[in-house]
Amino acid sequence: MKNDLIPLKIFGTTVRKLREEQGLSQESFADLCGLHRTYIGGIERGERNIGLLNVLRIAKALGVEPGMLFADFDQKILERLDDQQ
């Protein structure tokens, strides 16, 4: 079960990094996405398994291609899984 959360944490970390690079607060970013601030916080902490439409909203609000949110995703997952063995 714990390994199931790794992709959520990686995705959330990527979203937080991109948001912070743009100088956006969670609240202003949530407004841009049309989502609630607490929902964004849950995504960034890896607590939310979000749907495709919300991934697209987040990418649009950040001004990036959706694939950017998954850049190096496979490699990070493999590294995390190796670390836990």
PDB file of N, CA and C in Angstrom:
ATOM      1  N   MET A   1       0.825  -1.199   0.000  1.00  0.00           N
ATOM      2  CA  MET A   1       0.000   0.000   0.000  1.00  0.00           C
ATOM      3  C   MET A   1       0.865   1.257   0.000  1.00  0.00           C
ATOM      4  N   LYS A   2       1.965   1.217   0.761  1.00  0.00           N
ATOM      5  CA  LYS A   2       2.829   2.390   0.849  1.00  0.00           C
ATOM      6  C   LYS A   2       3.405   2.759  -0.513  1.00  0.00           C
ATOM      7  N   ASN A   3       3.799   1.754  -1.313  1.00  0.00           N
ATOM      8  CA  ASN A   3       4.342   2.025  -2.649  1.00  0.00           C
ATOM      9  C   ASN A   3       3.305   2.644  -3.563  1.00  0.00           C
ATOM     10  N   ASP A   4       2.022   2.412  -3.290  1.00  0.00           N
ATOM     11  CA  ASP A   4       0.964   3.007  -4.096  1.00  0.00           C
ATOM     12  C   ASP A   4       0.963   4.529  -3.981  1.00  0.00           C
ATOM     13  N   LEU A   5       1.456   5.051  -2.886  1.00  0.00           N
ATOM     14  CA  LEU A   5       1.440   6.492  -2.647  1.00  0.00           C
ATOM     15  C   LEU A   5       2.616   7.217  -3.303  1.00  0.00           C
ATOM     16  N   ILE A   6       3.639   6.488  -3.698  1.00  0.00           N
ATOM     17  CA  ILE A   6       4.829   7.108  -4.275  1.00  0.00           C
ATOM     18  C   ILE A   6       4.497   7.953  -5.504  1.00  0.00           C
ATOM     19  N   PRO A   7       3.727   7.450  -6.472  1.00  0.00           N
ATOM     20  CA  PRO A   7       3.419   8.294  -7.634  1.00  0.00           C
ATOM     21  C   PRO A   7       2.671   9.567  -7.257  1.00  0.00           C
ATOM     22  N   LEU A   8       1.796   9.489  -6.266  1.00  0.00           N
ATOM     23  CA  LEU A   8       1.054  10.673  -5.835  1.00  0.00           C
ATOM     24  C   LEU A   8       1.984  11.713  -5.235  1.00  0.00           C
ATOM     25  N   LYS A   9       2.963  11.259  -4.461  1.00  0.00           N
ATOM     26  CA  LYS A   9       3.919  12.184  -3.851  1.00  0.00           C
ATOM     27  C   LYS A   9       4.826  12.816  -4.900  1.00  0.00           C
ATOM     28  N   ILE A  10       5.251  12.028  -5.877  1.00  0.00           N
ATOM     29  CA  ILE A  10       6.096  12.556  -6.949  1.00  0.00           C
ATOM     30  C   ILE A  10       5.330  13.600  -7.746  1.00  0.00           C
ATOM     31  N   PHE A  11       4.094  13.294  -8.114  1.00  0.00           N
ATOM     32  CA  PHE A  11       3.278  14.242  -8.862  1.00  0.00           C
ATOM     33  C   PHE A  11       3.071  15.519  -8.052  1.00  0.00           C
ATOM     34  N   GLY A  12       2.723  15.368  -6.781  1.00  0.00           N
ATOM     35  CA  GLY A  12       2.484  16.518  -5.916  1.00  0.00           C
ATOM     36  C   GLY A  12       3.711  17.394  -5.759  1.00  0.00           C
ATOM     37  N   THR A  13       4.864  16.763  -5.628  1.00  0.00           N
ATOM     38  CA  THR A  13       6.120  17.512  -5.504  1.00  0.00           C
ATOM     39  C   THR A  13       6.398  18.313  -6.765  1.00  0.00           C
ATOM     40  N   THR A  14       6.115  17.722  -7.912  1.00  0.00           N
ATOM     41  CA  THR A  14       6.307  18.424  -9.183  1.00  0.00           C
ATOM     42  C   THR A  14       5.383  19.628  -9.286  1.00  0.00           C
ATOM     43  N   VAL A  15       4.122  19.440  -8.924  1.00  0.00           N
ATOM     44  CA  VAL A  15       3.161  20.550  -8.967  1.00  0.00           C
ATOM     45  C   VAL A  15       3.614  21.672  -8.039  1.00  0.00           C
ATOM     46  N   ARG A  16       4.000  21.320  -6.811  1.00  0.00           N
ATOM     47  CA  ARG A  16       4.449  22.340  -5.841  1.00  0.00           C
ATOM     48  C   ARG A  16       5.664  23.097  -6.376  1.00  0.00           C
ATOM     49  N   LYS A  17       6.630  22.358  -6.925  1.00  0.00           N
ATOM     50  CA  LYS A  17       7.842  22.992  -7.445  1.00  0.00           C
ATOM     51  C   LYS A  17       7.511  23.993  -8.549  1.00  0.00           C
ATOM     52  N   LEU A  18       6.685  23.579  -9.501  1.00  0.00           N
ATOM     53  CA  LEU A  18       6.324  24.472 -10.604  1.00  0.00           C
ATOM     54  C   LEU A  18       5.523  25.674 -10.107  1.00  0.00           C
ATOM     55  N   ARG A  19       4.632  25.452  -9.151  1.00  0.00           N
ATOM     56  CA  ARG A  19       3.832  26.554  -8.591  1.00  0.00           C
ATOM     57  C   ARG A  19       4.739  27.570  -7.900  1.00  0.00           C
ATOM     58  N   GLU A  20       5.654  27.059  -7.079  1.00  0.00           N
ATOM     59  CA  GLU A  20       6.551  27.954  -6.341  1.00  0.00           C
ATOM     60  C   GLU A  20       7.500  28.701  -7.273  1.00  0.00           C
ATOM     61  N   GLU A  21       7.958  28.039  -8.339  1.00  0.00           N
ATOM     62  CA  GLU A  21       8.831  28.705  -9.314  1.00  0.00           C
ATOM     63  C   GLU A  21       8.138  29.912  -9.942  1.00  0.00           C
ATOM     64  N   GLN A  22       6.808  29.852 -10.019  1.00  0.00           N
ATOM     65  CA  GLN A  22       6.047  30.963 -10.592  1.00  0.00           C
ATOM     66  C   GLN A  22       5.610  31.976  -9.537  1.00  0.00           C
ATOM     67  N   GLY A  23       6.008  31.731  -8.298  1.00  0.00           N
ATOM     68  CA  GLY A  23       5.691  32.666  -7.228  1.00  0.00           C
ATOM     69  C   GLY A  23       4.221  32.690  -6.850  1.00  0.00           C
ATOM     70  N   LEU A  24       3.528  31.586  -7.081  1.00  0.00           N
ATOM     71  CA  LEU A  24       2.093  31.516  -6.782  1.00  0.00           C
ATOM     72  C   LEU A  24       1.858  30.904  -5.403  1.00  0.00           C
ATOM     73  N   SER A  25       0.959  31.506  -4.650  1.00  0.00           N
ATOM     74  CA  SER A  25       0.513  30.882  -3.407  1.00  0.00           C
ATOM     75  C   SER A  25      -0.440  29.748  -3.768  1.00  0.00           C
ATOM     76  N   GLN A  26      -0.683  28.858  -2.825  1.00  0.00           N
ATOM     77  CA  GLN A  26      -1.658  27.789  -3.074  1.00  0.00           C
ATOM     78  C   GLN A  26      -3.028  28.385  -3.387  1.00  0.00           C
ATOM     79  N   GLU A  27      -3.385  29.442  -2.686  1.00  0.00           N
ATOM     80  CA  GLU A  27      -4.703  30.047  -2.880  1.00  0.00           C
ATOM     81  C   GLU A  27      -4.846  30.659  -4.276  1.00  0.00           C
ATOM     82  N   SER A  28      -3.844  31.420  -4.707  1.00  0.00           N
ATOM     83  CA  SER A  28      -3.940  32.034  -6.035  1.00  0.00           C
ATOM     84  C   SER A  28      -3.861  30.967  -7.130  1.00  0.00           C
ATOM     85  N   PHE A  29      -3.052  29.954  -6.906  1.00  0.00           N
ATOM     86  CA  PHE A  29      -2.962  28.857  -7.870  1.00  0.00           C
ATOM     87  C   PHE A  29      -4.288  28.107  -7.962  1.00  0.00           C
ATOM     88  N   ALA A  30      -4.908  27.856  -6.816  1.00  0.00           N
ATOM     89  CA  ALA A  30      -6.206  27.175  -6.795  1.00  0.00           C
ATOM     90  C   ALA A  30      -7.233  27.980  -7.584  1.00  0.00           C
ATOM     91  N   ASP A  31      -7.208  29.291  -7.422  1.00  0.00           N
ATOM     92  CA  ASP A  31      -8.128  30.144  -8.175  1.00  0.00           C
ATOM     93  C   ASP A  31      -7.898  30.012  -9.680  1.00  0.00           C
ATOM     94  N   LEU A  32      -6.638  29.993 -10.095  1.00  0.00           N
ATOM     95  CA  LEU A  32      -6.316  29.839 -11.513  1.00  0.00           C
ATOM     96  C   LEU A  32      -6.807  28.499 -12.068  1.00  0.00           C
ATOM     97  N   CYS A  33      -6.734  27.469 -11.225  1.00  0.00           N
ATOM     98  CA  CYS A  33      -7.152  26.123 -11.635  1.00  0.00           C
ATOM     99  C   CYS A  33      -8.662  25.937 -11.571  1.00  0.00           C
ATOM    100  N   GLY A  34      -9.329  26.769 -10.801  1.00  0.00           N
ATOM    101  CA  GLY A  34     -10.751  26.571 -10.568  1.00  0.00           C
ATOM    102  C   GLY A  34     -11.000  25.449  -9.577  1.00  0.00           C
ATOM    103  N   LEU A  35     -10.029  25.238  -8.678  1.00  0.00           N
ATOM    104  CA  LEU A  35     -10.119  24.187  -7.658  1.00  0.00           C
ATOM    105  C   LEU A  35      -9.992  24.817  -6.279  1.00  0.00           C
ATOM    106  N   HIS A  36     -10.346  24.072  -5.248  1.00  0.00           N
ATOM    107  CA  HIS A  36     -10.265  24.587  -3.883  1.00  0.00           C
ATOM    108  C   HIS A  36      -8.829  24.516  -3.370  1.00  0.00           C
ATOM    109  N   ARG A  37      -8.462  25.482  -2.535  1.00  0.00           N
ATOM    110  CA  ARG A  37      -7.107  25.550  -1.986  1.00  0.00           C
ATOM    111  C   ARG A  37      -6.737  24.288  -1.213  1.00  0.00           C
ATOM    112  N   THR A  38      -7.662  23.747  -0.442  1.00  0.00           N
ATOM    113  CA  THR A  38      -7.339  22.544   0.343  1.00  0.00           C
ATOM    114  C   THR A  38      -7.142  21.329  -0.567  1.00  0.00           C
ATOM    115  N   TYR A  39      -7.829  21.329  -1.706  1.00  0.00           N
ATOM    116  CA  TYR A  39      -7.647  20.252  -2.677  1.00  0.00           C
ATOM    117  C   TYR A  39      -6.237  20.327  -3.270  1.00  0.00           C
ATOM    118  N   ILE A  40      -5.796  21.528  -3.609  1.00  0.00           N
ATOM    119  CA  ILE A  40      -4.433  21.721  -4.124  1.00  0.00           C
ATOM    120  C   ILE A  40      -3.416  21.277  -3.079  1.00  0.00           C
ATOM    121  N   GLY A  41      -3.637  21.636  -1.824  1.00  0.00           N
ATOM    122  CA  GLY A  41      -2.733  21.208  -0.750  1.00  0.00           C
ATOM    123  C   GLY A  41      -2.653  19.693  -0.663  1.00  0.00           C
ATOM    124  N   GLY A  42      -3.792  19.025  -0.794  1.00  0.00           N
ATOM    125  CA  GLY A  42      -3.814  17.570  -0.762  1.00  0.00           C
ATOM    126  C   GLY A  42      -3.062  16.957  -1.935  1.00  0.00           C
ATOM    127  N   ILE A  43      -3.164  17.580  -3.096  1.00  0.00           N
ATOM    128  CA  ILE A  43      -2.417  17.116  -4.268  1.00  0.00           C
ATOM    129  C   ILE A  43      -0.923  17.250  -4.005  1.00  0.00           C
ATOM    130  N   GLU A  44      -0.517  18.412  -3.525  1.00  0.00           N
ATOM    131  CA  GLU A  44       0.905  18.671  -3.308  1.00  0.00           C
ATOM    132  C   GLU A  44       1.498  17.784  -2.219  1.00  0.00           C
ATOM    133  N   ARG A  45       0.701  17.352  -1.269  1.00  0.00           N
ATOM    134  CA  ARG A  45       1.179  16.444  -0.217  1.00  0.00           C
ATOM    135  C   ARG A  45       1.097  14.978  -0.640  1.00  0.00           C
ATOM    136  N   GLY A  46       0.558  14.709  -1.828  1.00  0.00           N
ATOM    137  CA  GLY A  46       0.439  13.344  -2.300  1.00  0.00           C
ATOM    138  C   GLY A  46      -0.705  12.592  -1.660  1.00  0.00           C
ATOM    139  N   GLU A  47      -1.721  13.307  -1.220  1.00  0.00           N
ATOM    140  CA  GLU A  47      -2.869  12.692  -0.555  1.00  0.00           C
ATOM    141  C   GLU A  47      -4.061  12.495  -1.491  1.00  0.00           C
ATOM    142  N   ARG A  48      -4.000  13.081  -2.667  1.00  0.00           N
ATOM    143  CA  ARG A  48      -5.129  13.041  -3.604  1.00  0.00           C
ATOM    144  C   ARG A  48      -4.734  12.304  -4.881  1.00  0.00           C
ATOM    145  N   ASN A  49      -5.574  11.383  -5.289  1.00  0.00           N
ATOM    146  CA  ASN A  49      -5.409  10.696  -6.566  1.00  0.00           C
ATOM    147  C   ASN A  49      -6.359  11.390  -7.536  1.00  0.00           C
ATOM    148  N   ILE A  50      -5.832  12.362  -8.274  1.00  0.00           N
ATOM    149  CA  ILE A  50      -6.696  13.252  -9.048  1.00  0.00           C
ATOM    150  C   ILE A  50      -7.022  12.691 -10.429  1.00  0.00           C
ATOM    151  N   GLY A  51      -8.084  13.203 -11.021  1.00  0.00           N
ATOM    152  CA  GLY A  51      -8.523  12.786 -12.344  1.00  0.00           C
ATOM    153  C   GLY A  51      -7.840  13.565 -13.452  1.00  0.00           C
ATOM    154  N   LEU A  52      -8.002  13.058 -14.650  1.00  0.00           N
ATOM    155  CA  LEU A  52      -7.362  13.644 -15.826  1.00  0.00           C
ATOM    156  C   LEU A  52      -7.769  15.093 -16.059  1.00  0.00           C
ATOM    157  N   LEU A  53      -9.037  15.410 -15.881  1.00  0.00           N
ATOM    158  CA  LEU A  53      -9.478  16.789 -16.116  1.00  0.00           C
ATOM    159  C   LEU A  53      -8.797  17.765 -15.168  1.00  0.00           C
ATOM    160  N   ASN A  54      -8.565  17.344 -13.935  1.00  0.00           N
ATOM    161  CA  ASN A  54      -7.866  18.222 -12.991  1.00  0.00           C
ATOM    162  C   ASN A  54      -6.380  18.331 -13.324  1.00  0.00           C
ATOM    163  N   VAL A  55      -5.782  17.263 -13.854  1.00  0.00           N
ATOM    164  CA  VAL A  55      -4.396  17.353 -14.331  1.00  0.00           C
ATOM    165  C   VAL A  55      -4.315  18.407 -15.435  1.00  0.00           C
ATOM    166  N   LEU A  56      -5.282  18.387 -16.334  1.00  0.00           N
ATOM    167  CA  LEU A  56      -5.291  19.359 -17.431  1.00  0.00           C
ATOM    168  C   LEU A  56      -5.506  20.776 -16.913  1.00  0.00           C
ATOM    169  N   ARG A  57      -6.353  20.946 -15.927  1.00  0.00           N
ATOM    170  CA  ARG A  57      -6.564  22.281 -15.330  1.00  0.00           C
ATOM    171  C   ARG A  57      -5.280  22.802 -14.699  1.00  0.00           C
ATOM    172  N   ILE A  58      -4.592  21.920 -13.994  1.00  0.00           N
ATOM    173  CA  ILE A  58      -3.343  22.304 -13.323  1.00  0.00           C
ATOM    174  C   ILE A  58      -2.292  22.691 -14.359  1.00  0.00           C
ATOM    175  N   ALA A  59      -2.149  21.894 -15.404  1.00  0.00           N
ATOM    176  CA  ALA A  59      -1.169  22.198 -16.449  1.00  0.00           C
ATOM    177  C   ALA A  59      -1.477  23.551 -17.092  1.00  0.00           C
ATOM    178  N   LYS A  60      -2.739  23.778 -17.401  1.00  0.00           N
ATOM    179  CA  LYS A  60      -3.131  25.049 -18.019  1.00  0.00           C
ATOM    180  C   LYS A  60      -2.822  26.226 -17.094  1.00  0.00           C
ATOM    181  N   ALA A  61      -3.140  26.093 -15.810  1.00  0.00           N
ATOM    182  CA  ALA A  61      -2.888  27.178 -14.850  1.00  0.00           C
ATOM    183  C   ALA A  61      -1.398  27.461 -14.707  1.00  0.00           C
ATOM    184  N   LEU A  62      -0.576  26.411 -14.852  1.00  0.00           N
ATOM    185  CA  LEU A  62       0.870  26.589 -14.755  1.00  0.00           C
ATOM    186  C   LEU A  62       1.494  27.015 -16.077  1.00  0.00           C
ATOM    187  N   GLY A  63       0.700  26.947 -17.157  1.00  0.00           N
ATOM    188  CA  GLY A  63       1.219  27.316 -18.470  1.00  0.00           C
ATOM    189  C   GLY A  63       2.213  26.310 -19.019  1.00  0.00           C
ATOM    190  N   VAL A  64       2.010  25.027 -18.670  1.00  0.00           N
ATOM    191  CA  VAL A  64       2.902  23.971 -19.151  1.00  0.00           C
ATOM    192  C   VAL A  64       2.082  22.900 -19.859  1.00  0.00           C
ATOM    193  N   GLU A  65       2.757  22.121 -20.690  1.00  0.00           N
ATOM    194  CA  GLU A  65       2.123  20.967 -21.308  1.00  0.00           C
ATOM    195  C   GLU A  65       1.842  19.941 -20.211  1.00  0.00           C
ATOM    196  N   PRO A  66       0.742  19.208 -20.298  1.00  0.00           N
ATOM    197  CA  PRO A  66       0.439  18.214 -19.265  1.00  0.00           C
ATOM    198  C   PRO A  66       1.577  17.221 -19.019  1.00  0.00           C
ATOM    199  N   GLY A  67       2.276  16.847 -20.078  1.00  0.00           N
ATOM    200  CA  GLY A  67       3.394  15.914 -19.926  1.00  0.00           C
ATOM    201  C   GLY A  67       4.497  16.442 -19.023  1.00  0.00           C
ATOM    202  N   MET A  68       4.626  17.762 -18.940  1.00  0.00           N
ATOM    203  CA  MET A  68       5.637  18.372 -18.075  1.00  0.00           C
ATOM    204  C   MET A  68       5.426  17.975 -16.613  1.00  0.00           C
ATOM    205  N   LEU A  69       4.175  17.739 -16.245  1.00  0.00           N
ATOM    206  CA  LEU A  69       3.874  17.343 -14.871  1.00  0.00           C
ATOM    207  C   LEU A  69       4.367  15.934 -14.569  1.00  0.00           C
ATOM    208  N   PHE A  70       4.713  15.199 -15.635  1.00  0.00           N
ATOM    209  CA  PHE A  70       5.190  13.827 -15.479  1.00  0.00           C
ATOM    210  C   PHE A  70       6.633  13.647 -15.944  1.00  0.00           C
ATOM    211  N   ALA A  71       7.346  14.753 -16.128  1.00  0.00           N
ATOM    212  CA  ALA A  71       8.729  14.700 -16.590  1.00  0.00           C
ATOM    213  C   ALA A  71       9.573  13.860 -15.624  1.00  0.00           C
ATOM    214  N   ASP A  72      10.325  12.936 -16.168  1.00  0.00           N
ATOM    215  CA  ASP A  72      11.200  12.051 -15.376  1.00  0.00           C
ATOM    216  C   ASP A  72      10.432  11.229 -14.343  1.00  0.00           C
ATOM    217  N   PHE A  73       9.126  11.107 -14.523  1.00  0.00           N
ATOM    218  CA  PHE A  73       8.274  10.408 -13.565  1.00  0.00           C
ATOM    219  C   PHE A  73       8.704   8.960 -13.375  1.00  0.00           C
ATOM    220  N   ASP A  74       8.903   8.246 -14.476  1.00  0.00           N
ATOM    221  CA  ASP A  74       9.271   6.832 -14.385  1.00  0.00           C
ATOM    222  C   ASP A  74      10.578   6.645 -13.627  1.00  0.00           C
ATOM    223  N   GLN A  75      11.569   7.467 -13.923  1.00  0.00           N
ATOM    224  CA  GLN A  75      12.863   7.330 -13.261  1.00  0.00           C
ATOM    225  C   GLN A  75      12.750   7.589 -11.764  1.00  0.00           C
ATOM    226  N   LYS A  76      11.993   8.600 -11.372  1.00  0.00           N
ATOM    227  CA  LYS A  76      11.839   8.910  -9.952  1.00  0.00           C
ATOM    228  C   LYS A  76      11.139   7.767  -9.220  1.00  0.00           C
ATOM    229  N   ILE A  77      10.142   7.171  -9.852  1.00  0.00           N
ATOM    230  CA  ILE A  77       9.439   6.049  -9.216  1.00  0.00           C
ATOM    231  C   ILE A  77      10.380   4.875  -9.032  1.00  0.00           C
ATOM    232  N   LEU A  78      11.150   4.565 -10.070  1.00  0.00           N
ATOM    233  CA  LEU A  78      12.085   3.451  -9.960  1.00  0.00           C
ATOM    234  C   LEU A  78      13.107   3.694  -8.862  1.00  0.00           C
ATOM    235  N   GLU A  79      13.609   4.917  -8.762  1.00  0.00           N
ATOM    236  CA  GLU A  79      14.578   5.239  -7.712  1.00  0.00           C
ATOM    237  C   GLU A  79      13.960   5.075  -6.326  1.00  0.00           C
ATOM    238  N   ARG A  80      12.742   5.559  -6.146  1.00  0.00           N
ATOM    239  CA  ARG A  80      12.069   5.448  -4.850  1.00  0.00           C
ATOM    240  C   ARG A  80      11.789   3.998  -4.484  1.00  0.00           C
ATOM    241  N   LEU A  81      11.366   3.212  -5.454  1.00  0.00           N
ATOM    242  CA  LEU A  81      11.095   1.799  -5.199  1.00  0.00           C
ATOM    243  C   LEU A  81      12.368   1.065  -4.824  1.00  0.00           C
ATOM    244  N   ASP A  82      13.489   1.377  -5.496  1.00  0.00           N
ATOM    245  CA  ASP A  82      14.775   0.761  -5.171  1.00  0.00           C
ATOM    246  C   ASP A  82      15.215   1.126  -3.761  1.00  0.00           C
ATOM    247  N   ASP A  83      14.984   2.373  -3.363  1.00  0.00           N
ATOM    248  CA  ASP A  83      15.374   2.843  -2.033  1.00  0.00           C
ATOM    249  C   ASP A  83      14.623   2.112  -0.922  1.00  0.00           C
ATOM    250  N   GLN A  84      13.409   1.673  -1.199  1.00  0.00           N
ATOM    251  CA  GLN A  84      12.589   1.041  -0.168  1.00  0.00           C
ATOM    252  C   GLN A  84      12.818  -0.447  -0.042  1.00  0.00           C
ATOM    253  N   GLN A  85      13.639  -1.017  -0.918  1.00  0.00           N
ATOM    254  CA  GLN A  85      13.892  -2.463  -0.848  1.00  0.00           C
ATOM    255  C   GLN A  85      15.034  -2.765   0.062  1.00  0.00           C
TER     256      GLN A  85
END
